[in-house]
Amino acid sequence: MVSRYSPPKLSQFQVSSNDCKYAFLRMGGNRENYFLTAEDVPSLLGYISANGYTIDTSITKIVQKANIGFTNKKIVCIIKNSNV
């Protein structure tokens, strides 16, 4: 479920930097349904608990109270990898 991806340039003037990010991606999804959606939350929670990730509840609460998100999207949780 964890994959590296290269985010798209924000503008045509942005210099390309081979800056890869890590994201939880839909398993077996096509390019149109690449990122997880609300219906994938149970699978995500099961995966993170089984693979050394923990939910940072205090930071999650701060971010949710600040109403930080992407337009009409909501943040489910902030996680961290305990193995790093």
C-alpha atoms as a PDB file:
ATOM      1  CA  MET A   1       0.000   0.000   0.000  1.00  0.00           C
ATOM      2  CA  VAL A   2       2.907   2.390   0.551  1.00  0.00           C
ATOM      3  CA  SER A   3       4.347   3.621  -2.709  1.00  0.00           C
ATOM      4  CA  ARG A   4       6.648   6.341  -3.911  1.00  0.00           C
ATOM      5  CA  TYR A   5       5.274   8.866  -6.342  1.00  0.00           C
ATOM      6  CA  SER A   6       6.447  12.094  -7.908  1.00  0.00           C
ATOM      7  CA  PRO A   7       3.995  14.936  -7.358  1.00  0.00           C
ATOM      8  CA  PRO A   8       3.142  16.981 -10.444  1.00  0.00           C
ATOM      9  CA  LYS A   9       4.650  20.420 -10.944  1.00  0.00           C
ATOM     10  CA  LEU A  10       2.508  23.211  -9.535  1.00  0.00           C
ATOM     11  CA  SER A  11       3.351  25.484 -12.457  1.00  0.00           C
ATOM     12  CA  GLN A  12       5.211  25.365 -15.739  1.00  0.00           C
ATOM     13  CA  PHE A  13       7.931  27.520 -14.167  1.00  0.00           C
ATOM     14  CA  GLN A  14       8.709  25.090 -11.363  1.00  0.00           C
ATOM     15  CA  VAL A  15      12.070  23.401 -11.738  1.00  0.00           C
ATOM     16  CA  SER A  16      11.788  19.637 -11.744  1.00  0.00           C
ATOM     17  CA  SER A  17      13.381  18.126  -8.675  1.00  0.00           C
ATOM     18  CA  ASN A  18      13.344  14.372  -8.439  1.00  0.00           C
ATOM     19  CA  ASP A  19      11.490  14.835  -5.159  1.00  0.00           C
ATOM     20  CA  CYS A  20       9.613  11.634  -4.448  1.00  0.00           C
ATOM     21  CA  LYS A  21       6.926  11.421  -1.786  1.00  0.00           C
ATOM     22  CA  TYR A  22       5.465   8.420  -0.056  1.00  0.00           C
ATOM     23  CA  ALA A  23       1.735   7.818   0.026  1.00  0.00           C
ATOM     24  CA  PHE A  24      -0.741   5.120   0.845  1.00  0.00           C
ATOM     25  CA  LEU A  25      -2.168   4.133  -2.498  1.00  0.00           C
ATOM     26  CA  ARG A  26      -5.085   1.959  -3.454  1.00  0.00           C
ATOM     27  CA  MET A  27      -3.960  -1.579  -4.087  1.00  0.00           C
ATOM     28  CA  GLY A  28      -4.733  -2.761  -7.585  1.00  0.00           C
ATOM     29  CA  GLY A  29      -6.220   0.598  -8.492  1.00  0.00           C
ATOM     30  CA  ASN A  30      -5.966   2.187 -11.870  1.00  0.00           C
ATOM     31  CA  ARG A  31      -4.552   5.673 -12.455  1.00  0.00           C
ATOM     32  CA  GLU A  32      -7.976   7.291 -12.060  1.00  0.00           C
ATOM     33  CA  ASN A  33      -8.483   5.740  -8.612  1.00  0.00           C
ATOM     34  CA  TYR A  34      -4.890   5.804  -7.432  1.00  0.00           C
ATOM     35  CA  PHE A  35      -5.183   7.455  -4.014  1.00  0.00           C
ATOM     36  CA  LEU A  36      -7.239   6.127  -1.136  1.00  0.00           C
ATOM     37  CA  THR A  37     -10.796   7.300  -0.594  1.00  0.00           C
ATOM     38  CA  ALA A  38     -13.129   7.285   2.418  1.00  0.00           C
ATOM     39  CA  GLU A  39     -14.211   3.738   1.613  1.00  0.00           C
ATOM     40  CA  ASP A  40     -10.587   2.594   2.048  1.00  0.00           C
ATOM     41  CA  VAL A  41     -10.277   3.831   5.669  1.00  0.00           C
ATOM     42  CA  PRO A  42     -10.894   0.386   7.265  1.00  0.00           C
ATOM     43  CA  SER A  43      -8.204  -1.184   5.050  1.00  0.00           C
ATOM     44  CA  LEU A  44      -5.799   1.653   5.839  1.00  0.00           C
ATOM     45  CA  LEU A  45      -6.317   1.361   9.599  1.00  0.00           C
ATOM     46  CA  GLY A  46      -5.793  -2.397   9.452  1.00  0.00           C
ATOM     47  CA  TYR A  47      -2.635  -1.968   7.396  1.00  0.00           C
ATOM     48  CA  ILE A  48      -1.073   0.677   9.634  1.00  0.00           C
ATOM     49  CA  SER A  49      -1.718  -1.293  12.812  1.00  0.00           C
ATOM     50  CA  ALA A  50      -0.224  -4.467  11.297  1.00  0.00           C
ATOM     51  CA  ASN A  51       2.877  -2.811   9.815  1.00  0.00           C
ATOM     52  CA  GLY A  52       4.558  -0.744  12.511  1.00  0.00           C
ATOM     53  CA  TYR A  53       2.672   2.539  12.079  1.00  0.00           C
ATOM     54  CA  THR A  54       0.983   4.444  14.883  1.00  0.00           C
ATOM     55  CA  ILE A  55      -1.675   7.131  14.839  1.00  0.00           C
ATOM     56  CA  ASP A  56      -0.485  10.398  16.357  1.00  0.00           C
ATOM     57  CA  THR A  57      -3.748  11.394  18.008  1.00  0.00           C
ATOM     58  CA  SER A  58      -2.547  14.704  19.447  1.00  0.00           C
ATOM     59  CA  ILE A  59      -1.339  16.060  16.089  1.00  0.00           C
ATOM     60  CA  THR A  60      -4.421  14.653  14.367  1.00  0.00           C
ATOM     61  CA  LYS A  61      -6.678  16.594  16.765  1.00  0.00           C
ATOM     62  CA  ILE A  62      -4.733  19.821  16.194  1.00  0.00           C
ATOM     63  CA  VAL A  63      -4.940  19.499  12.424  1.00  0.00           C
ATOM     64  CA  GLN A  64      -8.634  18.618  12.510  1.00  0.00           C
ATOM     65  CA  LYS A  65      -9.444  21.571  14.808  1.00  0.00           C
ATOM     66  CA  ALA A  66      -7.516  23.924  12.532  1.00  0.00           C
ATOM     67  CA  ASN A  67      -9.718  22.650   9.697  1.00  0.00           C
ATOM     68  CA  ILE A  68      -6.685  22.066   7.497  1.00  0.00           C
ATOM     69  CA  GLY A  69      -7.539  20.108   4.411  1.00  0.00           C
ATOM     70  CA  PHE A  70      -7.822  20.172   0.695  1.00  0.00           C
ATOM     71  CA  THR A  71     -11.025  21.994  -0.329  1.00  0.00           C
ATOM     72  CA  ASN A  72     -13.792  19.503   0.493  1.00  0.00           C
ATOM     73  CA  LYS A  73     -11.575  16.717   1.823  1.00  0.00           C
ATOM     74  CA  LYS A  74     -11.052  15.822   5.489  1.00  0.00           C
ATOM     75  CA  ILE A  75      -8.024  14.445   7.270  1.00  0.00           C
ATOM     76  CA  VAL A  76      -8.638  11.065   8.887  1.00  0.00           C
ATOM     77  CA  CYS A  77      -5.433  10.773  10.904  1.00  0.00           C
ATOM     78  CA  ILE A  78      -1.765  11.646  11.066  1.00  0.00           C
ATOM     79  CA  ILE A  79       0.434   8.571  11.269  1.00  0.00           C
ATOM     80  CA  LYS A  80       4.083   7.886  11.871  1.00  0.00           C
ATOM     81  CA  ASN A  81       6.243   4.877  11.201  1.00  0.00           C
ATOM     82  CA  SER A  82       7.529   3.394  14.433  1.00  0.00           C
ATOM     83  CA  ASN A  83      10.238   1.461  12.569  1.00  0.00           C
ATOM     84  CA  VAL A  84      12.149   4.548  11.411  1.00  0.00           C
END
